[in-house]
Amino acid sequence: MEPYLRKALRQFDNIVPTKRRDSPYPHIEPKYGAKEQFAEYDTSPEVGKQEQKHVQKVNGKFLWYARAVDPTVLVPLNVPLPPNNGAVQNVAEIIKAVMSSAAEAETGGVIY
């Protein structure tokens, strides 16, 4: 699956970041000592039609890879979209994080 991953990253012009990113999903810092920790609603602005199409293409390409080879990528790819099905800035950032972590990850797979 190494050639598939490299070809997909080349297709979407992914730039390998200088800082290593081990997790494809952004870490949310826990609030220690709090009695309740509430979920935060996504209030980021919507992206344009071109960026939305890009998010859909990347999501489709890496969703196949995640189902076949690396299920750790499934969590960030299945981020719920807003009710109007428009991609928002936060989802676009998560997609970029998925691509950057896939570029740095050692290819392997799941051993059953």
PDB file of N, CA and C in Angstrom:
ATOM      1  N   MET A   1       0.820  -1.200   0.000  1.00  0.00           N
ATOM      2  CA  MET A   1       0.000   0.000   0.000  1.00  0.00           C
ATOM      3  C   MET A   1       0.860   1.257   0.000  1.00  0.00           C
ATOM      4  N   GLU A   2       2.150   1.082   0.138  1.00  0.00           N
ATOM      5  CA  GLU A   2       3.056   2.232   0.094  1.00  0.00           C
ATOM      6  C   GLU A   2       2.904   3.044  -1.197  1.00  0.00           C
ATOM      7  N   PRO A   3       2.875   2.396  -2.381  1.00  0.00           N
ATOM      8  CA  PRO A   3       2.713   3.183  -3.606  1.00  0.00           C
ATOM      9  C   PRO A   3       1.381   3.936  -3.652  1.00  0.00           C
ATOM     10  N   TYR A   4       0.314   3.335  -3.135  1.00  0.00           N
ATOM     11  CA  TYR A   4      -0.991   4.011  -3.127  1.00  0.00           C
ATOM     12  C   TYR A   4      -0.939   5.269  -2.279  1.00  0.00           C
ATOM     13  N   LEU A   5      -0.326   5.157  -1.116  1.00  0.00           N
ATOM     14  CA  LEU A   5      -0.242   6.304  -0.205  1.00  0.00           C
ATOM     15  C   LEU A   5       0.608   7.415  -0.801  1.00  0.00           C
ATOM     16  N   ARG A   6       1.750   7.072  -1.358  1.00  0.00           N
ATOM     17  CA  ARG A   6       2.625   8.088  -1.955  1.00  0.00           C
ATOM     18  C   ARG A   6       1.958   8.765  -3.152  1.00  0.00           C
ATOM     19  N   LYS A   7       1.252   7.966  -3.958  1.00  0.00           N
ATOM     20  CA  LYS A   7       0.567   8.536  -5.123  1.00  0.00           C
ATOM     21  C   LYS A   7      -0.557   9.472  -4.683  1.00  0.00           C
ATOM     22  N   ALA A   8      -1.277   9.090  -3.627  1.00  0.00           N
ATOM     23  CA  ALA A   8      -2.360   9.936  -3.120  1.00  0.00           C
ATOM     24  C   ALA A   8      -1.816  11.248  -2.565  1.00  0.00           C
ATOM     25  N   LEU A   9      -0.705  11.183  -1.847  1.00  0.00           N
ATOM     26  CA  LEU A   9      -0.112  12.409  -1.305  1.00  0.00           C
ATOM     27  C   LEU A   9       0.403  13.300  -2.430  1.00  0.00           C
ATOM     28  N   ARG A  10       0.971  12.692  -3.478  1.00  0.00           N
ATOM     29  CA  ARG A  10       1.443  13.473  -4.612  1.00  0.00           C
ATOM     30  C   ARG A  10       0.272  14.092  -5.370  1.00  0.00           C
ATOM     31  N   GLN A  11      -0.841  13.375  -5.445  1.00  0.00           N
ATOM     32  CA  GLN A  11      -2.018  13.863  -6.165  1.00  0.00           C
ATOM     33  C   GLN A  11      -2.562  15.137  -5.528  1.00  0.00           C
ATOM     34  N   PHE A  12      -2.522  15.200  -4.201  1.00  0.00           N
ATOM     35  CA  PHE A  12      -3.084  16.358  -3.504  1.00  0.00           C
ATOM     36  C   PHE A  12      -2.027  17.371  -3.098  1.00  0.00           C
ATOM     37  N   ASP A  13      -0.824  17.273  -3.652  1.00  0.00           N
ATOM     38  CA  ASP A  13       0.263  18.225  -3.404  1.00  0.00           C
ATOM     39  C   ASP A  13       0.508  18.441  -1.923  1.00  0.00           C
ATOM     40  N   ASN A  14       0.674  17.349  -1.206  1.00  0.00           N
ATOM     41  CA  ASN A  14       0.920  17.449   0.229  1.00  0.00           C
ATOM     42  C   ASN A  14       2.364  17.857   0.480  1.00  0.00           C
ATOM     43  N   ILE A  15       2.555  18.805   1.372  1.00  0.00           N
ATOM     44  CA  ILE A  15       3.880  19.244   1.772  1.00  0.00           C
ATOM     45  C   ILE A  15       4.174  18.605   3.118  1.00  0.00           C
ATOM     46  N   VAL A  16       5.276  17.879   3.199  1.00  0.00           N
ATOM     47  CA  VAL A  16       5.633  17.211   4.447  1.00  0.00           C
ATOM     48  C   VAL A  16       6.086  18.280   5.447  1.00  0.00           C
ATOM     49  N   PRO A  17       5.444  18.354   6.605  1.00  0.00           N
ATOM     50  CA  PRO A  17       5.808  19.385   7.577  1.00  0.00           C
ATOM     51  C   PRO A  17       7.161  19.090   8.224  1.00  0.00           C
ATOM     52  N   THR A  18       7.772  20.140   8.757  1.00  0.00           N
ATOM     53  CA  THR A  18       9.067  19.977   9.406  1.00  0.00           C
ATOM     54  C   THR A  18       8.919  19.410  10.811  1.00  0.00           C
ATOM     55  N   LYS A  19       7.815  19.699  11.474  1.00  0.00           N
ATOM     56  CA  LYS A  19       7.575  19.174  12.815  1.00  0.00           C
ATOM     57  C   LYS A  19       6.787  17.870  12.703  1.00  0.00           C
ATOM     58  N   ARG A  20       7.269  16.835  13.366  1.00  0.00           N
ATOM     59  CA  ARG A  20       6.634  15.527  13.303  1.00  0.00           C
ATOM     60  C   ARG A  20       5.267  15.547  13.993  1.00  0.00           C
ATOM     61  N   ARG A  21       4.308  14.897  13.357  1.00  0.00           N
ATOM     62  CA  ARG A  21       2.959  14.807  13.905  1.00  0.00           C
ATOM     63  C   ARG A  21       2.584  13.333  13.963  1.00  0.00           C
ATOM     64  N   ASP A  22       2.473  12.796  15.164  1.00  0.00           N
ATOM     65  CA  ASP A  22       2.215  11.374  15.318  1.00  0.00           C
ATOM     66  C   ASP A  22       0.730  11.036  15.278  1.00  0.00           C
ATOM     67  N   SER A  23      -0.114  11.978  15.613  1.00  0.00           N
ATOM     68  CA  SER A  23      -1.543  11.714  15.656  1.00  0.00           C
ATOM     69  C   SER A  23      -2.243  12.444  14.516  1.00  0.00           C
ATOM     70  N   PRO A  24      -3.130  11.775  13.789  1.00  0.00           N
ATOM     71  CA  PRO A  24      -3.843  12.454  12.714  1.00  0.00           C
ATOM     72  C   PRO A  24      -5.001  13.323  13.209  1.00  0.00           C
ATOM     73  N   TYR A  25      -5.273  13.294  14.495  1.00  0.00           N
ATOM     74  CA  TYR A  25      -6.396  14.052  15.039  1.00  0.00           C
ATOM     75  C   TYR A  25      -5.881  15.038  16.082  1.00  0.00           C
ATOM     76  N   PRO A  26      -6.376  16.272  16.099  1.00  0.00           N
ATOM     77  CA  PRO A  26      -5.878  17.228  17.080  1.00  0.00           C
ATOM     78  C   PRO A  26      -6.233  16.827  18.508  1.00  0.00           C
ATOM     79  N   HIS A  27      -5.293  17.019  19.390  1.00  0.00           N
ATOM     80  CA  HIS A  27      -5.483  16.651  20.795  1.00  0.00           C
ATOM     81  C   HIS A  27      -6.256  17.744  21.521  1.00  0.00           C
ATOM     82  N   ILE A  28      -7.272  17.361  22.269  1.00  0.00           N
ATOM     83  CA  ILE A  28      -8.035  18.304  23.080  1.00  0.00           C
ATOM     84  C   ILE A  28      -7.593  18.110  24.516  1.00  0.00           C
ATOM     85  N   GLU A  29      -7.074  19.163  25.090  1.00  0.00           N
ATOM     86  CA  GLU A  29      -6.540  19.115  26.442  1.00  0.00           C
ATOM     87  C   GLU A  29      -7.666  18.898  27.454  1.00  0.00           C
ATOM     88  N   PRO A  30      -7.554  17.885  28.324  1.00  0.00           N
ATOM     89  CA  PRO A  30      -8.588  17.671  29.340  1.00  0.00           C
ATOM     90  C   PRO A  30      -8.512  18.732  30.435  1.00  0.00           C
ATOM     91  N   LYS A  31      -9.657  19.023  31.013  1.00  0.00           N
ATOM     92  CA  LYS A  31      -9.724  20.013  32.094  1.00  0.00           C
ATOM     93  C   LYS A  31      -9.747  19.243  33.414  1.00  0.00           C
ATOM     94  N   TYR A  32      -8.584  19.112  34.019  1.00  0.00           N
ATOM     95  CA  TYR A  32      -8.485  18.351  35.258  1.00  0.00           C
ATOM     96  C   TYR A  32      -9.152  19.104  36.399  1.00  0.00           C
ATOM     97  N   GLY A  33      -9.877  18.393  37.216  1.00  0.00           N
ATOM     98  CA  GLY A  33     -10.552  18.987  38.362  1.00  0.00           C
ATOM     99  C   GLY A  33     -11.953  19.479  38.052  1.00  0.00           C
ATOM    100  N   ALA A  34     -12.315  19.562  36.796  1.00  0.00           N
ATOM    101  CA  ALA A  34     -13.649  20.016  36.439  1.00  0.00           C
ATOM    102  C   ALA A  34     -14.646  18.883  36.661  1.00  0.00           C
ATOM    103  N   LYS A  35     -15.842  19.229  37.139  1.00  0.00           N
ATOM    104  CA  LYS A  35     -16.855  18.204  37.374  1.00  0.00           C
ATOM    105  C   LYS A  35     -17.434  17.697  36.059  1.00  0.00           C
ATOM    106  N   GLU A  36     -17.552  18.587  35.083  1.00  0.00           N
ATOM    107  CA  GLU A  36     -18.083  18.205  33.781  1.00  0.00           C
ATOM    108  C   GLU A  36     -17.200  18.794  32.695  1.00  0.00           C
ATOM    109  N   GLN A  37     -17.028  18.045  31.621  1.00  0.00           N
ATOM    110  CA  GLN A  37     -16.293  18.543  30.468  1.00  0.00           C
ATOM    111  C   GLN A  37     -17.236  18.500  29.276  1.00  0.00           C
ATOM    112  N   PHE A  38     -17.615  19.667  28.810  1.00  0.00           N
ATOM    113  CA  PHE A  38     -18.598  19.762  27.744  1.00  0.00           C
ATOM    114  C   PHE A  38     -17.921  19.718  26.379  1.00  0.00           C
ATOM    115  N   ALA A  39     -18.647  19.206  25.395  1.00  0.00           N
ATOM    116  CA  ALA A  39     -18.164  19.218  24.021  1.00  0.00           C
ATOM    117  C   ALA A  39     -18.245  20.640  23.494  1.00  0.00           C
ATOM    118  N   GLU A  40     -17.295  20.993  22.658  1.00  0.00           N
ATOM    119  CA  GLU A  40     -17.291  22.326  22.068  1.00  0.00           C
ATOM    120  C   GLU A  40     -17.907  22.246  20.675  1.00  0.00           C
ATOM    121  N   TYR A  41     -18.766  23.203  20.371  1.00  0.00           N
ATOM    122  CA  TYR A  41     -19.397  23.254  19.067  1.00  0.00           C
ATOM    123  C   TYR A  41     -18.474  23.937  18.075  1.00  0.00           C
ATOM    124  N   ASP A  42     -18.492  23.452  16.855  1.00  0.00           N
ATOM    125  CA  ASP A  42     -17.646  24.009  15.808  1.00  0.00           C
ATOM    126  C   ASP A  42     -18.302  25.265  15.250  1.00  0.00           C
ATOM    127  N   THR A  43     -17.678  26.392  15.468  1.00  0.00           N
ATOM    128  CA  THR A  43     -18.211  27.663  14.984  1.00  0.00           C
ATOM    129  C   THR A  43     -17.311  28.273  13.916  1.00  0.00           C
ATOM    130  N   SER A  44     -16.430  27.474  13.334  1.00  0.00           N
ATOM    131  CA  SER A  44     -15.531  28.005  12.315  1.00  0.00           C
ATOM    132  C   SER A  44     -16.318  28.298  11.032  1.00  0.00           C
ATOM    133  N   PRO A  45     -15.827  29.242  10.229  1.00  0.00           N
ATOM    134  CA  PRO A  45     -16.575  29.628   9.020  1.00  0.00           C
ATOM    135  C   PRO A  45     -16.515  28.542   7.952  1.00  0.00           C
ATOM    136  N   GLU A  46     -17.498  28.581   7.066  1.00  0.00           N
ATOM    137  CA  GLU A  46     -17.534  27.625   5.961  1.00  0.00           C
ATOM    138  C   GLU A  46     -16.456  27.981   4.942  1.00  0.00           C
ATOM    139  N   VAL A  47     -16.029  26.976   4.198  1.00  0.00           N
ATOM    140  CA  VAL A  47     -15.042  27.190   3.149  1.00  0.00           C
ATOM    141  C   VAL A  47     -15.762  27.306   1.813  1.00  0.00           C
ATOM    142  N   GLY A  48     -15.028  27.711   0.793  1.00  0.00           N
ATOM    143  CA  GLY A  48     -15.616  27.866  -0.529  1.00  0.00           C
ATOM    144  C   GLY A  48     -15.890  26.534  -1.198  1.00  0.00           C
ATOM    145  N   LYS A  49     -16.505  26.592  -2.365  1.00  0.00           N
ATOM    146  CA  LYS A  49     -16.874  25.381  -3.100  1.00  0.00           C
ATOM    147  C   LYS A  49     -15.645  24.568  -3.505  1.00  0.00           C
ATOM    148  N   GLN A  50     -14.570  25.243  -3.926  1.00  0.00           N
ATOM    149  CA  GLN A  50     -13.361  24.528  -4.354  1.00  0.00           C
ATOM    150  C   GLN A  50     -12.721  23.788  -3.188  1.00  0.00           C
ATOM    151  N   GLU A  51     -12.614  24.441  -2.048  1.00  0.00           N
ATOM    152  CA  GLU A  51     -12.026  23.800  -0.869  1.00  0.00           C
ATOM    153  C   GLU A  51     -12.913  22.658  -0.377  1.00  0.00           C
ATOM    154  N   GLN A  52     -14.223  22.837  -0.476  1.00  0.00           N
ATOM    155  CA  GLN A  52     -15.151  21.778  -0.071  1.00  0.00           C
ATOM    156  C   GLN A  52     -14.974  20.556  -0.970  1.00  0.00           C
ATOM    157  N   LYS A  53     -14.824  20.769  -2.267  1.00  0.00           N
ATOM    158  CA  LYS A  53     -14.598  19.669  -3.202  1.00  0.00           C
ATOM    159  C   LYS A  53     -13.280  18.969  -2.899  1.00  0.00           C
ATOM    160  N   HIS A  54     -12.263  19.756  -2.544  1.00  0.00           N
ATOM    161  CA  HIS A  54     -10.958  19.190  -2.191  1.00  0.00           C
ATOM    162  C   HIS A  54     -11.065  18.310  -0.946  1.00  0.00           C
ATOM    163  N   VAL A  55     -11.801  18.787   0.057  1.00  0.00           N
ATOM    164  CA  VAL A  55     -12.000  18.011   1.287  1.00  0.00           C
ATOM    165  C   VAL A  55     -12.711  16.693   0.973  1.00  0.00           C
ATOM    166  N   GLN A  56     -13.701  16.726   0.094  1.00  0.00           N
ATOM    167  CA  GLN A  56     -14.431  15.512  -0.264  1.00  0.00           C
ATOM    168  C   GLN A  56     -13.543  14.520  -1.011  1.00  0.00           C
ATOM    169  N   LYS A  57     -12.694  15.019  -1.913  1.00  0.00           N
ATOM    170  CA  LYS A  57     -11.811  14.136  -2.665  1.00  0.00           C
ATOM    171  C   LYS A  57     -10.786  13.468  -1.752  1.00  0.00           C
ATOM    172  N   VAL A  58     -10.163  14.263  -0.881  1.00  0.00           N
ATOM    173  CA  VAL A  58      -9.159  13.722   0.033  1.00  0.00           C
ATOM    174  C   VAL A  58      -9.815  12.727   0.981  1.00  0.00           C
ATOM    175  N   ASN A  59     -10.994  13.064   1.460  1.00  0.00           N
ATOM    176  CA  ASN A  59     -11.708  12.180   2.377  1.00  0.00           C
ATOM    177  C   ASN A  59     -12.007  10.835   1.713  1.00  0.00           C
ATOM    178  N   GLY A  60     -12.456  10.869   0.481  1.00  0.00           N
ATOM    179  CA  GLY A  60     -12.754   9.632  -0.233  1.00  0.00           C
ATOM    180  C   GLY A  60     -11.521   8.786  -0.474  1.00  0.00           C
ATOM    181  N   LYS A  61     -10.425   9.427  -0.864  1.00  0.00           N
ATOM    182  CA  LYS A  61      -9.190   8.701  -1.155  1.00  0.00           C
ATOM    183  C   LYS A  61      -8.622   8.050   0.104  1.00  0.00           C
ATOM    184  N   PHE A  62      -8.569   8.795   1.198  1.00  0.00           N
ATOM    185  CA  PHE A  62      -7.979   8.264   2.417  1.00  0.00           C
ATOM    186  C   PHE A  62      -8.950   7.385   3.196  1.00  0.00           C
ATOM    187  N   LEU A  63     -10.240   7.508   2.942  1.00  0.00           N
ATOM    188  CA  LEU A  63     -11.207   6.620   3.586  1.00  0.00           C
ATOM    189  C   LEU A  63     -11.015   5.191   3.091  1.00  0.00           C
ATOM    190  N   TRP A  64     -10.754   5.034   1.809  1.00  0.00           N
ATOM    191  CA  TRP A  64     -10.478   3.708   1.283  1.00  0.00           C
ATOM    192  C   TRP A  64      -9.201   3.159   1.909  1.00  0.00           C
ATOM    193  N   TYR A  65      -8.164   3.983   1.991  1.00  0.00           N
ATOM    194  CA  TYR A  65      -6.899   3.554   2.590  1.00  0.00           C
ATOM    195  C   TYR A  65      -7.096   3.172   4.057  1.00  0.00           C
ATOM    196  N   ALA A  66      -7.905   3.947   4.768  1.00  0.00           N
ATOM    197  CA  ALA A  66      -8.129   3.688   6.194  1.00  0.00           C
ATOM    198  C   ALA A  66      -8.875   2.375   6.402  1.00  0.00           C
ATOM    199  N   ARG A  67      -9.848   2.102   5.577  1.00  0.00           N
ATOM    200  CA  ARG A  67     -10.600   0.853   5.715  1.00  0.00           C
ATOM    201  C   ARG A  67      -9.752  -0.366   5.362  1.00  0.00           C
ATOM    202  N   ALA A  68      -8.875  -0.206   4.382  1.00  0.00           N
ATOM    203  CA  ALA A  68      -8.102  -1.348   3.909  1.00  0.00           C
ATOM    204  C   ALA A  68      -6.845  -1.602   4.721  1.00  0.00           C
ATOM    205  N   VAL A  69      -6.149  -0.531   5.140  1.00  0.00           N
ATOM    206  CA  VAL A  69      -4.823  -0.712   5.706  1.00  0.00           C
ATOM    207  C   VAL A  69      -4.671  -0.159   7.117  1.00  0.00           C
ATOM    208  N   ASP A  70      -5.030   1.102   7.315  1.00  0.00           N
ATOM    209  CA  ASP A  70      -4.696   1.794   8.559  1.00  0.00           C
ATOM    210  C   ASP A  70      -5.948   2.362   9.216  1.00  0.00           C
ATOM    211  N   PRO A  71      -6.592   1.619  10.111  1.00  0.00           N
ATOM    212  CA  PRO A  71      -7.842   2.099  10.709  1.00  0.00           C
ATOM    213  C   PRO A  71      -7.674   3.253  11.691  1.00  0.00           C
ATOM    214  N   THR A  72      -6.443   3.624  12.036  1.00  0.00           N
ATOM    215  CA  THR A  72      -6.265   4.771  12.942  1.00  0.00           C
ATOM    216  C   THR A  72      -6.656   6.080  12.273  1.00  0.00           C
ATOM    217  N   VAL A  73      -6.742   6.083  10.966  1.00  0.00           N
ATOM    218  CA  VAL A  73      -7.107   7.299  10.230  1.00  0.00           C
ATOM    219  C   VAL A  73      -8.626   7.470  10.162  1.00  0.00           C
ATOM    220  N   LEU A  74      -9.378   6.448  10.550  1.00  0.00           N
ATOM    221  CA  LEU A  74     -10.842   6.524  10.456  1.00  0.00           C
ATOM    222  C   LEU A  74     -11.445   7.588  11.367  1.00  0.00           C
ATOM    223  N   VAL A  75     -10.869   7.798  12.533  1.00  0.00           N
ATOM    224  CA  VAL A  75     -11.447   8.761  13.490  1.00  0.00           C
ATOM    225  C   VAL A  75     -11.466  10.174  12.918  1.00  0.00           C
ATOM    226  N   PRO A  76     -10.347  10.723  12.439  1.00  0.00           N
ATOM    227  CA  PRO A  76     -10.437  12.088  11.908  1.00  0.00           C
ATOM    228  C   PRO A  76     -11.198  12.188  10.597  1.00  0.00           C
ATOM    229  N   LEU A  77     -11.249  11.108   9.810  1.00  0.00           N
ATOM    230  CA  LEU A  77     -11.988  11.182   8.552  1.00  0.00           C
ATOM    231  C   LEU A  77     -13.492  11.161   8.756  1.00  0.00           C
ATOM    232  N   ASN A  78     -13.950  10.677   9.897  1.00  0.00           N
ATOM    233  CA  ASN A  78     -15.380  10.601  10.175  1.00  0.00           C
ATOM    234  C   ASN A  78     -15.861  11.711  11.090  1.00  0.00           C
ATOM    235  N   VAL A  79     -15.215  12.857  11.021  1.00  0.00           N
ATOM    236  CA  VAL A  79     -15.654  14.018  11.794  1.00  0.00           C
ATOM    237  C   VAL A  79     -17.012  14.451  11.250  1.00  0.00           C
ATOM    238  N   PRO A  80     -18.009  14.612  12.100  1.00  0.00           N
ATOM    239  CA  PRO A  80     -19.333  14.995  11.600  1.00  0.00           C
ATOM    240  C   PRO A  80     -19.328  16.398  11.012  1.00  0.00           C
ATOM    241  N   LEU A  81     -19.981  16.517   9.882  1.00  0.00           N
ATOM    242  CA  LEU A  81     -20.106  17.817   9.224  1.00  0.00           C
ATOM    243  C   LEU A  81     -21.336  18.542   9.765  1.00  0.00           C
ATOM    244  N   PRO A  82     -21.404  19.844   9.562  1.00  0.00           N
ATOM    245  CA  PRO A  82     -22.584  20.588   9.998  1.00  0.00           C
ATOM    246  C   PRO A  82     -23.851  20.090   9.295  1.00  0.00           C
ATOM    247  N   PRO A  83     -25.025  20.448   9.813  1.00  0.00           N
ATOM    248  CA  PRO A  83     -26.282  19.954   9.243  1.00  0.00           C
ATOM    249  C   PRO A  83     -26.483  20.279   7.767  1.00  0.00           C
ATOM    250  N   ASN A  84     -25.902  21.388   7.291  1.00  0.00           N
ATOM    251  CA  ASN A  84     -26.109  21.749   5.890  1.00  0.00           C
ATOM    252  C   ASN A  84     -25.095  21.077   4.967  1.00  0.00           C
ATOM    253  N   ASN A  85     -24.292  20.133   5.499  1.00  0.00           N
ATOM    254  CA  ASN A  85     -23.294  19.365   4.744  1.00  0.00           C
ATOM    255  C   ASN A  85     -22.240  20.228   4.075  1.00  0.00           C
ATOM    256  N   GLY A  86     -22.024  21.421   4.554  1.00  0.00           N
ATOM    257  CA  GLY A  86     -20.949  22.246   4.038  1.00  0.00           C
ATOM    258  C   GLY A  86     -19.700  22.024   4.864  1.00  0.00           C
ATOM    259  N   ALA A  87     -18.569  21.961   4.196  1.00  0.00           N
ATOM    260  CA  ALA A  87     -17.317  21.786   4.919  1.00  0.00           C
ATOM    261  C   ALA A  87     -16.953  23.096   5.607  1.00  0.00           C
ATOM    262  N   VAL A  88     -16.449  23.003   6.811  1.00  0.00           N
ATOM    263  CA  VAL A  88     -16.044  24.184   7.543  1.00  0.00           C
ATOM    264  C   VAL A  88     -14.524  24.188   7.663  1.00  0.00           C
ATOM    265  N   GLN A  89     -13.980  25.311   8.095  1.00  0.00           N
ATOM    266  CA  GLN A  89     -12.541  25.486   8.178  1.00  0.00           C
ATOM    267  C   GLN A  89     -11.900  24.441   9.085  1.00  0.00           C
ATOM    268  N   ASN A  90     -12.554  24.090  10.172  1.00  0.00           N
ATOM    269  CA  ASN A  90     -12.009  23.125  11.111  1.00  0.00           C
ATOM    270  C   ASN A  90     -11.850  21.747  10.462  1.00  0.00           C
ATOM    271  N   VAL A  91     -12.802  21.336   9.658  1.00  0.00           N
ATOM    272  CA  VAL A  91     -12.728  20.044   8.971  1.00  0.00           C
ATOM    273  C   VAL A  91     -11.595  20.060   7.949  1.00  0.00           C
ATOM    274  N   ALA A  92     -11.415  21.187   7.267  1.00  0.00           N
ATOM    275  CA  ALA A  92     -10.324  21.303   6.299  1.00  0.00           C
ATOM    276  C   ALA A  92      -8.972  21.193   6.993  1.00  0.00           C
ATOM    277  N   GLU A  93      -8.848  21.745   8.189  1.00  0.00           N
ATOM    278  CA  GLU A  93      -7.602  21.634   8.950  1.00  0.00           C
ATOM    279  C   GLU A  93      -7.354  20.190   9.384  1.00  0.00           C
ATOM    280  N   ILE A  94      -8.402  19.482   9.752  1.00  0.00           N
ATOM    281  CA  ILE A  94      -8.253  18.076  10.149  1.00  0.00           C
ATOM    282  C   ILE A  94      -7.802  17.239   8.956  1.00  0.00           C
ATOM    283  N   ILE A  95      -8.332  17.527   7.768  1.00  0.00           N
ATOM    284  CA  ILE A  95      -7.928  16.801   6.563  1.00  0.00           C
ATOM    285  C   ILE A  95      -6.453  17.050   6.273  1.00  0.00           C
ATOM    286  N   LYS A  96      -5.983  18.280   6.457  1.00  0.00           N
ATOM    287  CA  LYS A  96      -4.562  18.572   6.257  1.00  0.00           C
ATOM    288  C   LYS A  96      -3.712  17.821   7.276  1.00  0.00           C
ATOM    289  N   ALA A  97      -4.212  17.701   8.499  1.00  0.00           N
ATOM    290  CA  ALA A  97      -3.481  16.958   9.526  1.00  0.00           C
ATOM    291  C   ALA A  97      -3.409  15.476   9.180  1.00  0.00           C
ATOM    292  N   VAL A  98      -4.472  14.933   8.598  1.00  0.00           N
ATOM    293  CA  VAL A  98      -4.473  13.524   8.192  1.00  0.00           C
ATOM    294  C   VAL A  98      -3.412  13.297   7.124  1.00  0.00           C
ATOM    295  N   MET A  99      -3.344  14.201   6.149  1.00  0.00           N
ATOM    296  CA  MET A  99      -2.365  14.033   5.085  1.00  0.00           C
ATOM    297  C   MET A  99      -0.939  14.171   5.604  1.00  0.00           C
ATOM    298  N   SER A 100      -0.710  15.112   6.507  1.00  0.00           N
ATOM    299  CA  SER A 100       0.648  15.283   7.017  1.00  0.00           C
ATOM    300  C   SER A 100       1.072  14.109   7.893  1.00  0.00           C
ATOM    301  N   SER A 101       0.152  13.557   8.673  1.00  0.00           N
ATOM    302  CA  SER A 101       0.518  12.392   9.485  1.00  0.00           C
ATOM    303  C   SER A 101       0.697  11.156   8.620  1.00  0.00           C
ATOM    304  N   ALA A 102      -0.049  11.054   7.528  1.00  0.00           N
ATOM    305  CA  ALA A 102       0.118   9.919   6.619  1.00  0.00           C
ATOM    306  C   ALA A 102       1.450   9.997   5.884  1.00  0.00           C
ATOM    307  N   ALA A 103       1.913  11.212   5.631  1.00  0.00           N
ATOM    308  CA  ALA A 103       3.193  11.372   4.940  1.00  0.00           C
ATOM    309  C   ALA A 103       4.353  10.941   5.820  1.00  0.00           C
ATOM    310  N   GLU A 104       4.218  11.072   7.121  1.00  0.00           N
ATOM    311  CA  GLU A 104       5.312  10.758   8.033  1.00  0.00           C
ATOM    312  C   GLU A 104       5.208   9.355   8.616  1.00  0.00           C
ATOM    313  N   ALA A 105       4.060   8.737   8.528  1.00  0.00           N
ATOM    314  CA  ALA A 105       3.830   7.463   9.193  1.00  0.00           C
ATOM    315  C   ALA A 105       4.608   6.342   8.519  1.00  0.00           C
ATOM    316  N   GLU A 106       5.043   5.404   9.333  1.00  0.00           N
ATOM    317  CA  GLU A 106       5.671   4.209   8.784  1.00  0.00           C
ATOM    318  C   GLU A 106       4.547   3.320   8.249  1.00  0.00           C
ATOM    319  N   THR A 107       4.735   2.853   7.053  1.00  0.00           N
ATOM    320  CA  THR A 107       3.691   1.990   6.497  1.00  0.00           C
ATOM    321  C   THR A 107       3.800   0.623   7.130  1.00  0.00           C
ATOM    322  N   GLY A 108       2.698   0.094   7.438  1.00  0.00           N
ATOM    323  CA  GLY A 108       2.684  -1.201   8.090  1.00  0.00           C
ATOM    324  C   GLY A 108       1.333  -1.809   7.867  1.00  0.00           C
ATOM    325  N   GLY A 109       0.462  -1.578   8.771  1.00  0.00           N
ATOM    326  CA  GLY A 109      -0.863  -2.143   8.678  1.00  0.00           C
ATOM    327  C   GLY A 109      -1.222  -2.815   9.989  1.00  0.00           C
ATOM    328  N   VAL A 110      -2.321  -3.446   9.988  1.00  0.00           N
ATOM    329  CA  VAL A 110      -2.814  -4.121  11.180  1.00  0.00           C
ATOM    330  C   VAL A 110      -2.443  -5.586  11.077  1.00  0.00           C
ATOM    331  N   ILE A 111      -1.891  -6.105  12.143  1.00  0.00           N
ATOM    332  CA  ILE A 111      -1.561  -7.518  12.201  1.00  0.00           C
ATOM    333  C   ILE A 111      -2.612  -8.200  13.072  1.00  0.00           C
ATOM    334  N   TYR A 112      -3.310  -9.152  12.511  1.00  0.00           N
ATOM    335  CA  TYR A 112      -4.359  -9.845  13.232  1.00  0.00           C
ATOM    336  C   TYR A 112      -3.851 -11.163  13.753  1.00  0.00           C
TER     337      TYR A 112
END
